[in-house]
């Protein structure tokens, strides 16, 4: 069974904008999929916009839940997880293999 781990890996921010400090303008995420010894990963980023005068949370007070709330509508999690599963399935059953040459089998070097 494949396990998926979603992680926010960084949040580039403007140092100062509209009187606020450390204003996030992009969120970088990663999804890691593992199934036994097989693994695949996908990463991306979602832009976020701060509108002057709208509610603002200080960078130090942001929670993962809040940030995921900003970006979840822009991420197609089922599609990403399906693509990662396809990568793992291909690792388990590769469509292309390179068997040894038939005339070298059993020949000692």
C-alpha atoms as a PDB file:
ATOM      1  CA  UNK A   1       0.000   0.000   0.000  1.00  0.00           C
ATOM      2  CA  UNK A   2       1.368   3.372  -0.956  1.00  0.00           C
ATOM      3  CA  UNK A   3       1.733   6.052   1.711  1.00  0.00           C
ATOM      4  CA  UNK A   4       1.701   9.732   0.742  1.00  0.00           C
ATOM      5  CA  UNK A   5       3.361  12.467   2.772  1.00  0.00           C
ATOM      6  CA  UNK A   6       2.536  16.072   1.885  1.00  0.00           C
ATOM      7  CA  UNK A   7       4.977  18.724   3.093  1.00  0.00           C
ATOM      8  CA  UNK A   8       5.305  22.484   2.784  1.00  0.00           C
ATOM      9  CA  UNK A   9       9.001  22.941   2.065  1.00  0.00           C
ATOM     10  CA  UNK A  10       9.390  26.722   1.839  1.00  0.00           C
ATOM     11  CA  UNK A  11       7.489  30.010   1.680  1.00  0.00           C
ATOM     12  CA  UNK A  12       9.313  32.806  -0.170  1.00  0.00           C
ATOM     13  CA  UNK A  13       8.226  36.153   1.279  1.00  0.00           C
ATOM     14  CA  UNK A  14       8.561  39.872   0.699  1.00  0.00           C
ATOM     15  CA  UNK A  15      10.586  41.418   3.527  1.00  0.00           C
ATOM     16  CA  UNK A  16       8.262  44.477   3.567  1.00  0.00           C
ATOM     17  CA  UNK A  17       5.115  45.257   1.629  1.00  0.00           C
ATOM     18  CA  UNK A  18       2.105  47.456   2.394  1.00  0.00           C
ATOM     19  CA  UNK A  19       3.371  48.038   5.934  1.00  0.00           C
ATOM     20  CA  UNK A  20       3.639  44.315   6.723  1.00  0.00           C
ATOM     21  CA  UNK A  21       6.773  42.202   7.204  1.00  0.00           C
ATOM     22  CA  UNK A  22       7.592  38.764   5.782  1.00  0.00           C
ATOM     23  CA  UNK A  23       4.583  38.605   3.467  1.00  0.00           C
ATOM     24  CA  UNK A  24       4.369  35.189   1.823  1.00  0.00           C
ATOM     25  CA  UNK A  25       3.949  35.353  -1.953  1.00  0.00           C
ATOM     26  CA  UNK A  26       4.514  31.693  -2.856  1.00  0.00           C
ATOM     27  CA  UNK A  27       4.298  28.321  -1.155  1.00  0.00           C
ATOM     28  CA  UNK A  28       6.468  25.391  -2.265  1.00  0.00           C
ATOM     29  CA  UNK A  29       5.143  21.908  -1.507  1.00  0.00           C
ATOM     30  CA  UNK A  30       6.258  18.336  -1.996  1.00  0.00           C
ATOM     31  CA  UNK A  31       4.476  14.998  -1.967  1.00  0.00           C
ATOM     32  CA  UNK A  32       6.492  11.848  -1.264  1.00  0.00           C
ATOM     33  CA  UNK A  33       5.026   8.442  -2.049  1.00  0.00           C
ATOM     34  CA  UNK A  34       6.457   5.221  -0.653  1.00  0.00           C
ATOM     35  CA  UNK A  35       5.480   1.609  -1.030  1.00  0.00           C
ATOM     36  CA  UNK A  36       8.014  -0.680   0.615  1.00  0.00           C
ATOM     37  CA  UNK A  37      11.346  -0.004  -1.073  1.00  0.00           C
ATOM     38  CA  UNK A  38       9.744   1.911  -3.941  1.00  0.00           C
ATOM     39  CA  UNK A  39       9.471   5.699  -3.872  1.00  0.00           C
ATOM     40  CA  UNK A  40       8.433   8.653  -6.009  1.00  0.00           C
ATOM     41  CA  UNK A  41       8.081  12.376  -5.384  1.00  0.00           C
ATOM     42  CA  UNK A  42       6.392  15.399  -6.875  1.00  0.00           C
ATOM     43  CA  UNK A  43       6.893  19.056  -6.023  1.00  0.00           C
ATOM     44  CA  UNK A  44       5.326  22.326  -7.013  1.00  0.00           C
ATOM     45  CA  UNK A  45       4.526  25.838  -5.959  1.00  0.00           C
ATOM     46  CA  UNK A  46       1.417  27.937  -5.594  1.00  0.00           C
ATOM     47  CA  UNK A  47       1.399  31.737  -5.692  1.00  0.00           C
ATOM     48  CA  UNK A  48      -0.455  33.532  -2.915  1.00  0.00           C
ATOM     49  CA  UNK A  49      -1.568  37.139  -2.889  1.00  0.00           C
ATOM     50  CA  UNK A  50      -1.811  39.527   0.010  1.00  0.00           C
ATOM     51  CA  UNK A  51      -4.295  42.348  -0.392  1.00  0.00           C
ATOM     52  CA  UNK A  52      -3.529  45.440   1.658  1.00  0.00           C
ATOM     53  CA  UNK A  53      -6.015  45.850   4.481  1.00  0.00           C
ATOM     54  CA  UNK A  54      -7.121  42.213   4.469  1.00  0.00           C
ATOM     55  CA  UNK A  55      -6.608  40.086   7.583  1.00  0.00           C
ATOM     56  CA  UNK A  56      -2.915  39.353   8.064  1.00  0.00           C
ATOM     57  CA  UNK A  57      -1.180  36.700  10.145  1.00  0.00           C
ATOM     58  CA  UNK A  58       2.404  37.352  11.159  1.00  0.00           C
ATOM     59  CA  UNK A  59       4.815  34.924   9.525  1.00  0.00           C
ATOM     60  CA  UNK A  60       5.884  33.537  12.915  1.00  0.00           C
ATOM     61  CA  UNK A  61       2.227  32.810  13.746  1.00  0.00           C
ATOM     62  CA  UNK A  62       1.334  30.943  10.541  1.00  0.00           C
ATOM     63  CA  UNK A  63       0.315  27.313  10.960  1.00  0.00           C
ATOM     64  CA  UNK A  64       0.602  24.492   8.471  1.00  0.00           C
ATOM     65  CA  UNK A  65      -3.167  24.147   8.493  1.00  0.00           C
ATOM     66  CA  UNK A  66      -3.620  27.804   7.576  1.00  0.00           C
ATOM     67  CA  UNK A  67      -1.103  27.654   4.728  1.00  0.00           C
ATOM     68  CA  UNK A  68      -2.555  24.392   3.388  1.00  0.00           C
ATOM     69  CA  UNK A  69      -5.921  26.155   3.435  1.00  0.00           C
ATOM     70  CA  UNK A  70      -4.501  28.828   1.134  1.00  0.00           C
ATOM     71  CA  UNK A  71      -3.054  26.406  -1.411  1.00  0.00           C
ATOM     72  CA  UNK A  72      -5.241  23.271  -1.306  1.00  0.00           C
ATOM     73  CA  UNK A  73      -7.758  24.667  -3.821  1.00  0.00           C
ATOM     74  CA  UNK A  74      -4.886  25.005  -6.334  1.00  0.00           C
ATOM     75  CA  UNK A  75      -3.506  21.479  -5.900  1.00  0.00           C
ATOM     76  CA  UNK A  76      -5.146  18.446  -7.513  1.00  0.00           C
ATOM     77  CA  UNK A  77      -4.092  15.955  -4.847  1.00  0.00           C
ATOM     78  CA  UNK A  78      -5.899  12.930  -6.375  1.00  0.00           C
ATOM     79  CA  UNK A  79      -4.199  13.517  -9.739  1.00  0.00           C
ATOM     80  CA  UNK A  80      -0.756  13.996  -8.163  1.00  0.00           C
ATOM     81  CA  UNK A  81      -1.147  10.883  -6.030  1.00  0.00           C
ATOM     82  CA  UNK A  82      -2.344   8.908  -9.084  1.00  0.00           C
ATOM     83  CA  UNK A  83       0.740  10.030 -11.030  1.00  0.00           C
ATOM     84  CA  UNK A  84       3.010   9.046  -8.145  1.00  0.00           C
ATOM     85  CA  UNK A  85       1.278   5.667  -7.920  1.00  0.00           C
ATOM     86  CA  UNK A  86       1.872   5.164 -11.648  1.00  0.00           C
ATOM     87  CA  UNK A  87       5.588   5.915 -11.122  1.00  0.00           C
ATOM     88  CA  UNK A  88       5.775   3.357  -8.324  1.00  0.00           C
ATOM     89  CA  UNK A  89       3.836   0.779 -10.363  1.00  0.00           C
ATOM     90  CA  UNK A  90       6.320   1.271 -13.194  1.00  0.00           C
ATOM     91  CA  UNK A  91       9.222   0.722 -10.794  1.00  0.00           C
ATOM     92  CA  UNK A  92       7.610  -2.522  -9.634  1.00  0.00           C
ATOM     93  CA  UNK A  93       6.876  -3.706 -13.188  1.00  0.00           C
ATOM     94  CA  UNK A  94       9.219  -1.853 -15.551  1.00  0.00           C
ATOM     95  CA  UNK A  95       7.941  -1.721 -19.142  1.00  0.00           C
ATOM     96  CA  UNK A  96      11.517  -1.879 -20.438  1.00  0.00           C
ATOM     97  CA  UNK A  97      14.127  -4.291 -19.129  1.00  0.00           C
ATOM     98  CA  UNK A  98      17.682  -5.130 -20.151  1.00  0.00           C
ATOM     99  CA  UNK A  99      18.234  -8.848 -19.707  1.00  0.00           C
ATOM    100  CA  UNK A 100      21.709 -10.296 -20.155  1.00  0.00           C
ATOM    101  CA  UNK A 101      22.714 -11.222 -23.674  1.00  0.00           C
ATOM    102  CA  UNK A 102      21.658 -14.803 -24.340  1.00  0.00           C
ATOM    103  CA  UNK A 103      25.080 -15.856 -25.623  1.00  0.00           C
ATOM    104  CA  UNK A 104      26.855 -14.637 -22.466  1.00  0.00           C
ATOM    105  CA  UNK A 105      24.789 -16.544 -19.946  1.00  0.00           C
ATOM    106  CA  UNK A 106      26.880 -19.067 -18.085  1.00  0.00           C
ATOM    107  CA  UNK A 107      30.140 -17.729 -19.554  1.00  0.00           C
ATOM    108  CA  UNK A 108      32.706 -16.823 -16.930  1.00  0.00           C
ATOM    109  CA  UNK A 109      34.809 -13.768 -17.522  1.00  0.00           C
END
